Amino acid sequence: MERVSVRLRIQRERWPRPALILTDTPRPRCPDCHGIGGWAHTCVSPEGEYDGTDWFECFCWDSGKRWKILPVPHFRRTGYSDEPPF
């Protein structure tokens, strides 16, 4: 039986509502993906034309493991002002 461990990190989610989330990360010493979490495969049509890129997720990582821990308020940037602060 393989031991599964979760390597958590905090990220900021911007959509649909800003929040802080805990998410799983790929295993750093994975022999298959080398810590990237998967690999990209370029698809080519039978005519030899570029047909897009597919992403294959490695078994060491589950990108769907995400837990929202804290909603963050919206901040609107209004730009800089030339007015003094007093």
PDB file of N, CA and C in Angstrom:
ATOM      1  N   MET A   1       0.832  -1.179   0.000  1.00  0.00           N
ATOM      2  CA  MET A   1       0.000   0.000   0.000  1.00  0.00           C
ATOM      3  C   MET A   1       0.876   1.241   0.000  1.00  0.00           C
ATOM      4  N   GLU A   2       0.610   2.132  -0.934  1.00  0.00           N
ATOM      5  CA  GLU A   2       1.412   3.341  -1.070  1.00  0.00           C
ATOM      6  C   GLU A   2       0.932   4.406  -0.091  1.00  0.00           C
ATOM      7  N   ARG A   3       1.860   5.037   0.555  1.00  0.00           N
ATOM      8  CA  ARG A   3       1.524   6.101   1.504  1.00  0.00           C
ATOM      9  C   ARG A   3       1.313   7.396   0.726  1.00  0.00           C
ATOM     10  N   VAL A   4       0.180   8.008   0.930  1.00  0.00           N
ATOM     11  CA  VAL A   4      -0.137   9.255   0.249  1.00  0.00           C
ATOM     12  C   VAL A   4      -0.021  10.388   1.251  1.00  0.00           C
ATOM     13  N   SER A   5       0.768  11.377   0.914  1.00  0.00           N
ATOM     14  CA  SER A   5       0.890  12.536   1.790  1.00  0.00           C
ATOM     15  C   SER A   5       0.465  13.780   1.014  1.00  0.00           C
ATOM     16  N   VAL A   6      -0.037  14.726   1.738  1.00  0.00           N
ATOM     17  CA  VAL A   6      -0.483  15.968   1.135  1.00  0.00           C
ATOM     18  C   VAL A   6       0.518  17.055   1.501  1.00  0.00           C
ATOM     19  N   ARG A   7       1.029  17.753   0.502  1.00  0.00           N
ATOM     20  CA  ARG A   7       1.959  18.847   0.703  1.00  0.00           C
ATOM     21  C   ARG A   7       1.179  20.133   0.440  1.00  0.00           C
ATOM     22  N   LEU A   8       0.793  20.810   1.503  1.00  0.00           N
ATOM     23  CA  LEU A   8      -0.086  21.964   1.379  1.00  0.00           C
ATOM     24  C   LEU A   8       0.694  23.262   1.237  1.00  0.00           C
ATOM     25  N   ARG A   9       0.107  24.207   0.524  1.00  0.00           N
ATOM     26  CA  ARG A   9       0.627  25.562   0.465  1.00  0.00           C
ATOM     27  C   ARG A   9      -0.557  26.513   0.380  1.00  0.00           C
ATOM     28  N   ILE A  10      -0.335  27.752   0.736  1.00  0.00           N
ATOM     29  CA  ILE A  10      -1.389  28.762   0.698  1.00  0.00           C
ATOM     30  C   ILE A  10      -1.277  29.524  -0.618  1.00  0.00           C
ATOM     31  N   GLN A  11      -2.411  29.699  -1.288  1.00  0.00           N
ATOM     32  CA  GLN A  11      -2.478  30.473  -2.519  1.00  0.00           C
ATOM     33  C   GLN A  11      -3.601  31.489  -2.410  1.00  0.00           C
ATOM     34  N   ARG A  12      -3.545  32.487  -3.268  1.00  0.00           N
ATOM     35  CA  ARG A  12      -4.625  33.465  -3.324  1.00  0.00           C
ATOM     36  C   ARG A  12      -5.452  33.187  -4.564  1.00  0.00           C
ATOM     37  N   GLU A  13      -6.737  33.036  -4.360  1.00  0.00           N
ATOM     38  CA  GLU A  13      -7.666  32.801  -5.460  1.00  0.00           C
ATOM     39  C   GLU A  13      -8.318  34.133  -5.804  1.00  0.00           C
ATOM     40  N   ARG A  14      -8.429  34.461  -7.100  1.00  0.00           N
ATOM     41  CA  ARG A  14      -8.992  35.744  -7.498  1.00  0.00           C
ATOM     42  C   ARG A  14     -10.389  35.622  -8.091  1.00  0.00           C
ATOM     43  N   TRP A  15     -10.763  34.458  -8.552  1.00  0.00           N
ATOM     44  CA  TRP A  15     -12.058  34.288  -9.191  1.00  0.00           C
ATOM     45  C   TRP A  15     -12.755  33.072  -8.638  1.00  0.00           C
ATOM     46  N   PRO A  16     -13.977  33.004  -8.373  1.00  0.00           N
ATOM     47  CA  PRO A  16     -15.015  34.012  -8.593  1.00  0.00           C
ATOM     48  C   PRO A  16     -15.023  35.079  -7.508  1.00  0.00           C
ATOM     49  N   ARG A  17     -14.433  34.793  -6.350  1.00  0.00           N
ATOM     50  CA  ARG A  17     -14.350  35.776  -5.274  1.00  0.00           C
ATOM     51  C   ARG A  17     -12.986  35.630  -4.622  1.00  0.00           C
ATOM     52  N   PRO A  18     -12.296  36.743  -4.350  1.00  0.00           N
ATOM     53  CA  PRO A  18     -10.966  36.639  -3.746  1.00  0.00           C
ATOM     54  C   PRO A  18     -10.997  35.879  -2.418  1.00  0.00           C
ATOM     55  N   ALA A  19     -10.018  34.979  -2.247  1.00  0.00           N
ATOM     56  CA  ALA A  19      -9.938  34.186  -1.021  1.00  0.00           C
ATOM     57  C   ALA A  19      -8.547  33.586  -0.898  1.00  0.00           C
ATOM     58  N   LEU A  20      -8.215  33.169   0.315  1.00  0.00           N
ATOM     59  CA  LEU A  20      -7.007  32.383   0.541  1.00  0.00           C
ATOM     60  C   LEU A  20      -7.421  30.922   0.571  1.00  0.00           C
ATOM     61  N   ILE A  21      -6.657  30.077  -0.115  1.00  0.00           N
ATOM     62  CA  ILE A  21      -6.991  28.655  -0.186  1.00  0.00           C
ATOM     63  C   ILE A  21      -5.767  27.823   0.160  1.00  0.00           C
ATOM     64  N   LEU A  22      -6.010  26.633   0.679  1.00  0.00           N
ATOM     65  CA  LEU A  22      -4.963  25.621   0.843  1.00  0.00           C
ATOM     66  C   LEU A  22      -5.048  24.699  -0.353  1.00  0.00           C
ATOM     67  N   THR A  23      -3.921  24.405  -0.950  1.00  0.00           N
ATOM     68  CA  THR A  23      -3.910  23.539  -2.124  1.00  0.00           C
ATOM     69  C   THR A  23      -2.773  22.534  -2.024  1.00  0.00           C
ATOM     70  N   ASP A  24      -2.943  21.406  -2.666  1.00  0.00           N
ATOM     71  CA  ASP A  24      -1.926  20.358  -2.708  1.00  0.00           C
ATOM     72  C   ASP A  24      -0.850  20.752  -3.721  1.00  0.00           C
ATOM     73  N   THR A  25       0.373  20.309  -3.500  1.00  0.00           N
ATOM     74  CA  THR A  25       1.467  20.557  -4.438  1.00  0.00           C
ATOM     75  C   THR A  25       2.053  19.226  -4.901  1.00  0.00           C
ATOM     76  N   PRO A  26       2.697  19.204  -6.067  1.00  0.00           N
ATOM     77  CA  PRO A  26       3.318  17.971  -6.542  1.00  0.00           C
ATOM     78  C   PRO A  26       4.465  17.531  -5.633  1.00  0.00           C
ATOM     79  N   ARG A  27       4.726  16.235  -5.635  1.00  0.00           N
ATOM     80  CA  ARG A  27       5.834  15.697  -4.836  1.00  0.00           C
ATOM     81  C   ARG A  27       7.157  16.163  -5.451  1.00  0.00           C
ATOM     82  N   PRO A  28       8.019  16.849  -4.700  1.00  0.00           N
ATOM     83  CA  PRO A  28       9.237  17.429  -5.271  1.00  0.00           C
ATOM     84  C   PRO A  28      10.196  16.413  -5.872  1.00  0.00           C
ATOM     85  N   ARG A  29      10.257  15.216  -5.324  1.00  0.00           N
ATOM     86  CA  ARG A  29      11.215  14.213  -5.817  1.00  0.00           C
ATOM     87  C   ARG A  29      10.537  13.111  -6.628  1.00  0.00           C
ATOM     88  N   CYS A  30       9.446  13.445  -7.291  1.00  0.00           N
ATOM     89  CA  CYS A  30       8.735  12.452  -8.100  1.00  0.00           C
ATOM     90  C   CYS A  30       9.597  12.065  -9.303  1.00  0.00           C
ATOM     91  N   PRO A  31       9.818  10.774  -9.539  1.00  0.00           N
ATOM     92  CA  PRO A  31      10.660  10.358 -10.662  1.00  0.00           C
ATOM     93  C   PRO A  31       9.991  10.560 -12.026  1.00  0.00           C
ATOM     94  N   ASP A  32       8.678  10.704 -12.048  1.00  0.00           N
ATOM     95  CA  ASP A  32       7.982  10.855 -13.325  1.00  0.00           C
ATOM     96  C   ASP A  32       7.902  12.309 -13.791  1.00  0.00           C
ATOM     97  N   CYS A  33       7.486  13.213 -12.889  1.00  0.00           N
ATOM     98  CA  CYS A  33       7.283  14.608 -13.305  1.00  0.00           C
ATOM     99  C   CYS A  33       8.364  15.551 -12.791  1.00  0.00           C
ATOM    100  N   HIS A  34       9.256  15.083 -11.924  1.00  0.00           N
ATOM    101  CA  HIS A  34      10.353  15.877 -11.359  1.00  0.00           C
ATOM    102  C   HIS A  34       9.847  17.112 -10.619  1.00  0.00           C
ATOM    103  N   GLY A  35       8.686  16.989  -9.958  1.00  0.00           N
ATOM    104  CA  GLY A  35       8.154  18.070  -9.147  1.00  0.00           C
ATOM    105  C   GLY A  35       7.322  19.095  -9.893  1.00  0.00           C
ATOM    106  N   ILE A  36       7.095  18.897 -11.166  1.00  0.00           N
ATOM    107  CA  ILE A  36       6.310  19.857 -11.958  1.00  0.00           C
ATOM    108  C   ILE A  36       4.818  19.588 -11.817  1.00  0.00           C
ATOM    109  N   GLY A  37       4.437  18.348 -11.606  1.00  0.00           N
ATOM    110  CA  GLY A  37       3.024  18.008 -11.437  1.00  0.00           C
ATOM    111  C   GLY A  37       2.409  17.356 -12.657  1.00  0.00           C
ATOM    112  N   GLY A  38       3.147  17.223 -13.703  1.00  0.00           N
ATOM    113  CA  GLY A  38       2.636  16.603 -14.923  1.00  0.00           C
ATOM    114  C   GLY A  38       3.546  16.932 -16.086  1.00  0.00           C
ATOM    115  N   TRP A  39       3.051  16.700 -17.281  1.00  0.00           N
ATOM    116  CA  TRP A  39       3.844  16.999 -18.464  1.00  0.00           C
ATOM    117  C   TRP A  39       2.916  17.379 -19.608  1.00  0.00           C
ATOM    118  N   ALA A  40       3.462  18.177 -20.487  1.00  0.00           N
ATOM    119  CA  ALA A  40       2.707  18.638 -21.650  1.00  0.00           C
ATOM    120  C   ALA A  40       3.058  17.756 -22.838  1.00  0.00           C
ATOM    121  N   HIS A  41       2.066  17.464 -23.656  1.00  0.00           N
ATOM    122  CA  HIS A  41       2.267  16.667 -24.857  1.00  0.00           C
ATOM    123  C   HIS A  41       1.722  17.459 -26.042  1.00  0.00           C
ATOM    124  N   THR A  42       2.577  17.757 -27.002  1.00  0.00           N
ATOM    125  CA  THR A  42       2.164  18.504 -28.176  1.00  0.00           C
ATOM    126  C   THR A  42       1.473  17.566 -29.151  1.00  0.00           C
ATOM    127  N   CYS A  43       0.294  17.950 -29.582  1.00  0.00           N
ATOM    128  CA  CYS A  43      -0.477  17.147 -30.517  1.00  0.00           C
ATOM    129  C   CYS A  43      -0.264  17.664 -31.940  1.00  0.00           C
ATOM    130  N   VAL A  44      -0.108  16.742 -32.854  1.00  0.00           N
ATOM    131  CA  VAL A  44       0.098  17.085 -34.258  1.00  0.00           C
ATOM    132  C   VAL A  44      -0.943  16.345 -35.083  1.00  0.00           C
ATOM    133  N   SER A  45      -1.562  17.054 -36.016  1.00  0.00           N
ATOM    134  CA  SER A  45      -2.564  16.432 -36.880  1.00  0.00           C
ATOM    135  C   SER A  45      -1.874  15.503 -37.883  1.00  0.00           C
ATOM    136  N   PRO A  46      -2.630  14.617 -38.547  1.00  0.00           N
ATOM    137  CA  PRO A  46      -2.029  13.732 -39.557  1.00  0.00           C
ATOM    138  C   PRO A  46      -1.354  14.484 -40.704  1.00  0.00           C
ATOM    139  N   GLU A  47      -1.754  15.735 -40.915  1.00  0.00           N
ATOM    140  CA  GLU A  47      -1.125  16.535 -41.978  1.00  0.00           C
ATOM    141  C   GLU A  47       0.161  17.212 -41.505  1.00  0.00           C
ATOM    142  N   GLY A  48       0.495  17.052 -40.227  1.00  0.00           N
ATOM    143  CA  GLY A  48       1.718  17.632 -39.687  1.00  0.00           C
ATOM    144  C   GLY A  48       1.529  19.014 -39.095  1.00  0.00           C
ATOM    145  N   GLU A  49       0.287  19.458 -38.945  1.00  0.00           N
ATOM    146  CA  GLU A  49       0.008  20.778 -38.388  1.00  0.00           C
ATOM    147  C   GLU A  49      -0.116  20.699 -36.858  1.00  0.00           C
ATOM    148  N   TYR A  50       0.217  21.791 -36.210  1.00  0.00           N
ATOM    149  CA  TYR A  50       0.083  21.880 -34.757  1.00  0.00           C
ATOM    150  C   TYR A  50      -1.393  21.814 -34.389  1.00  0.00           C
ATOM    151  N   ASP A  51      -1.731  20.925 -33.428  1.00  0.00           N
ATOM    152  CA  ASP A  51      -3.133  20.703 -33.077  1.00  0.00           C
ATOM    153  C   ASP A  51      -3.397  20.962 -31.586  1.00  0.00           C
ATOM    154  N   GLY A  52      -2.512  21.708 -30.929  1.00  0.00           N
ATOM    155  CA  GLY A  52      -2.714  22.027 -29.523  1.00  0.00           C
ATOM    156  C   GLY A  52      -1.780  21.241 -28.616  1.00  0.00           C
ATOM    157  N   THR A  53      -1.915  21.500 -27.328  1.00  0.00           N
ATOM    158  CA  THR A  53      -1.090  20.841 -26.324  1.00  0.00           C
ATOM    159  C   THR A  53      -1.997  20.269 -25.251  1.00  0.00           C
ATOM    160  N   ASP A  54      -1.783  19.012 -24.910  1.00  0.00           N
ATOM    161  CA  ASP A  54      -2.530  18.359 -23.842  1.00  0.00           C
ATOM    162  C   ASP A  54      -1.662  18.316 -22.592  1.00  0.00           C
ATOM    163  N   TRP A  55      -2.290  18.473 -21.427  1.00  0.00           N
ATOM    164  CA  TRP A  55      -1.588  18.404 -20.151  1.00  0.00           C
ATOM    165  C   TRP A  55      -2.005  17.124 -19.446  1.00  0.00           C
ATOM    166  N   PHE A  56      -1.034  16.322 -19.065  1.00  0.00           N
ATOM    167  CA  PHE A  56      -1.272  15.091 -18.332  1.00  0.00           C
ATOM    168  C   PHE A  56      -0.784  15.274 -16.908  1.00  0.00           C
ATOM    169  N   GLU A  57      -1.696  15.126 -15.952  1.00  0.00           N
ATOM    170  CA  GLU A  57      -1.371  15.311 -14.546  1.00  0.00           C
ATOM    171  C   GLU A  57      -0.708  14.039 -14.010  1.00  0.00           C
ATOM    172  N   CYS A  58       0.328  14.222 -13.213  1.00  0.00           N
ATOM    173  CA  CYS A  58       1.056  13.099 -12.620  1.00  0.00           C
ATOM    174  C   CYS A  58       0.244  12.485 -11.475  1.00  0.00           C
ATOM    175  N   PHE A  59       0.510  11.229 -11.170  1.00  0.00           N
ATOM    176  CA  PHE A  59      -0.202  10.532 -10.102  1.00  0.00           C
ATOM    177  C   PHE A  59       0.159  11.073  -8.719  1.00  0.00           C
ATOM    178  N   CYS A  60       1.275  11.795  -8.600  1.00  0.00           N
ATOM    179  CA  CYS A  60       1.734  12.278  -7.292  1.00  0.00           C
ATOM    180  C   CYS A  60       1.006  13.537  -6.840  1.00  0.00           C
ATOM    181  N   TRP A  61       0.107  14.057  -7.659  1.00  0.00           N
ATOM    182  CA  TRP A  61      -0.514  15.341  -7.367  1.00  0.00           C
ATOM    183  C   TRP A  61      -1.979  15.311  -7.753  1.00  0.00           C
ATOM    184  N   ASP A  62      -2.812  15.905  -6.931  1.00  0.00           N
ATOM    185  CA  ASP A  62      -4.231  16.047  -7.254  1.00  0.00           C
ATOM    186  C   ASP A  62      -4.549  17.532  -7.251  1.00  0.00           C
ATOM    187  N   SER A  63      -4.663  18.122  -8.416  1.00  0.00           N
ATOM    188  CA  SER A  63      -4.896  19.562  -8.506  1.00  0.00           C
ATOM    189  C   SER A  63      -6.285  19.950  -8.021  1.00  0.00           C
ATOM    190  N   GLY A  64      -7.159  18.983  -7.817  1.00  0.00           N
ATOM    191  CA  GLY A  64      -8.504  19.269  -7.335  1.00  0.00           C
ATOM    192  C   GLY A  64      -8.606  19.407  -5.830  1.00  0.00           C
ATOM    193  N   LYS A  65      -7.539  19.102  -5.108  1.00  0.00           N
ATOM    194  CA  LYS A  65      -7.563  19.235  -3.650  1.00  0.00           C
ATOM    195  C   LYS A  65      -7.330  20.698  -3.297  1.00  0.00           C
ATOM    196  N   ARG A  66      -8.420  21.400  -3.011  1.00  0.00           N
ATOM    197  CA  ARG A  66      -8.359  22.820  -2.670  1.00  0.00           C
ATOM    198  C   ARG A  66      -9.396  23.096  -1.599  1.00  0.00           C
ATOM    199  N   TRP A  67      -8.987  23.800  -0.553  1.00  0.00           N
ATOM    200  CA  TRP A  67      -9.893  24.145   0.522  1.00  0.00           C
ATOM    201  C   TRP A  67      -9.833  25.643   0.758  1.00  0.00           C
ATOM    202  N   LYS A  68     -10.988  26.313   0.657  1.00  0.00           N
ATOM    203  CA  LYS A  68     -11.051  27.753   0.911  1.00  0.00           C
ATOM    204  C   LYS A  68     -11.009  27.971   2.421  1.00  0.00           C
ATOM    205  N   ILE A  69     -10.059  28.803   2.870  1.00  0.00           N
ATOM    206  CA  ILE A  69      -9.921  29.005   4.308  1.00  0.00           C
ATOM    207  C   ILE A  69     -10.317  30.400   4.760  1.00  0.00           C
ATOM    208  N   LEU A  70     -10.229  31.410   3.873  1.00  0.00           N
ATOM    209  CA  LEU A  70     -10.515  32.763   4.303  1.00  0.00           C
ATOM    210  C   LEU A  70     -10.891  33.635   3.115  1.00  0.00           C
ATOM    211  N   PRO A  71     -12.101  34.194   3.104  1.00  0.00           N
ATOM    212  CA  PRO A  71     -12.432  35.141   2.041  1.00  0.00           C
ATOM    213  C   PRO A  71     -11.651  36.448   2.230  1.00  0.00           C
ATOM    214  N   VAL A  72     -11.269  37.060   1.134  1.00  0.00           N
ATOM    215  CA  VAL A  72     -10.497  38.307   1.153  1.00  0.00           C
ATOM    216  C   VAL A  72     -11.359  39.401   0.539  1.00  0.00           C
ATOM    217  N   PRO A  73     -11.416  40.594   1.147  1.00  0.00           N
ATOM    218  CA  PRO A  73     -12.241  41.660   0.580  1.00  0.00           C
ATOM    219  C   PRO A  73     -11.678  42.185  -0.736  1.00  0.00           C
ATOM    220  N   HIS A  74     -12.543  42.756  -1.539  1.00  0.00           N
ATOM    221  CA  HIS A  74     -12.132  43.385  -2.795  1.00  0.00           C
ATOM    222  C   HIS A  74     -11.448  44.713  -2.488  1.00  0.00           C
ATOM    223  N   PHE A  75     -10.331  44.964  -3.117  1.00  0.00           N
ATOM    224  CA  PHE A  75      -9.663  46.253  -3.008  1.00  0.00           C
ATOM    225  C   PHE A  75      -9.635  46.878  -4.387  1.00  0.00           C
ATOM    226  N   ARG A  76     -10.055  48.105  -4.458  1.00  0.00           N
ATOM    227  CA  ARG A  76     -10.034  48.807  -5.739  1.00  0.00           C
ATOM    228  C   ARG A  76      -8.866  49.787  -5.728  1.00  0.00           C
ATOM    229  N   ARG A  77      -8.081  49.720  -6.785  1.00  0.00           N
ATOM    230  CA  ARG A  77      -6.976  50.661  -6.916  1.00  0.00           C
ATOM    231  C   ARG A  77      -7.479  51.889  -7.657  1.00  0.00           C
ATOM    232  N   THR A  78      -7.269  53.035  -7.062  1.00  0.00           N
ATOM    233  CA  THR A  78      -7.737  54.273  -7.680  1.00  0.00           C
ATOM    234  C   THR A  78      -6.597  55.027  -8.333  1.00  0.00           C
ATOM    235  N   GLY A  79      -5.395  54.539  -8.241  1.00  0.00           N
ATOM    236  CA  GLY A  79      -4.251  55.229  -8.817  1.00  0.00           C
ATOM    237  C   GLY A  79      -3.581  56.125  -7.792  1.00  0.00           C
ATOM    238  N   TYR A  80      -2.571  56.813  -8.229  1.00  0.00           N
ATOM    239  CA  TYR A  80      -1.819  57.686  -7.348  1.00  0.00           C
ATOM    240  C   TYR A  80      -2.383  59.096  -7.425  1.00  0.00           C
ATOM    241  N   SER A  81      -2.242  59.799  -6.345  1.00  0.00           N
ATOM    242  CA  SER A  81      -2.739  61.167  -6.278  1.00  0.00           C
ATOM    243  C   SER A  81      -1.568  62.111  -6.090  1.00  0.00           C
ATOM    244  N   ASP A  82      -1.671  63.348  -6.663  1.00  0.00           N
ATOM    245  CA  ASP A  82      -0.610  64.348  -6.446  1.00  0.00           C
ATOM    246  C   ASP A  82      -0.895  65.193  -5.215  1.00  0.00           C
ATOM    247  N   GLU A  83      -2.053  64.950  -4.585  1.00  0.00           N
ATOM    248  CA  GLU A  83      -2.414  65.725  -3.401  1.00  0.00           C
ATOM    249  C   GLU A  83      -1.590  65.268  -2.203  1.00  0.00           C
ATOM    250  N   PRO A  84      -1.176  66.225  -1.367  1.00  0.00           N
ATOM    251  CA  PRO A  84      -0.463  65.838  -0.149  1.00  0.00           C
ATOM    252  C   PRO A  84      -1.410  65.114   0.812  1.00  0.00           C
ATOM    253  N   PRO A  85      -0.880  64.290   1.694  1.00  0.00           N
ATOM    254  CA  PRO A  85      -1.729  63.491   2.568  1.00  0.00           C
ATOM    255  C   PRO A  85      -2.375  64.286   3.701  1.00  0.00           C
ATOM    256  N   PHE A  86      -2.098  65.562   3.839  1.00  0.00           N
ATOM    257  CA  PHE A  86      -2.653  66.334   4.957  1.00  0.00           C
ATOM    258  C   PHE A  86      -3.663  67.350   4.509  1.00  0.00           C
TER     259      PHE A  86
END
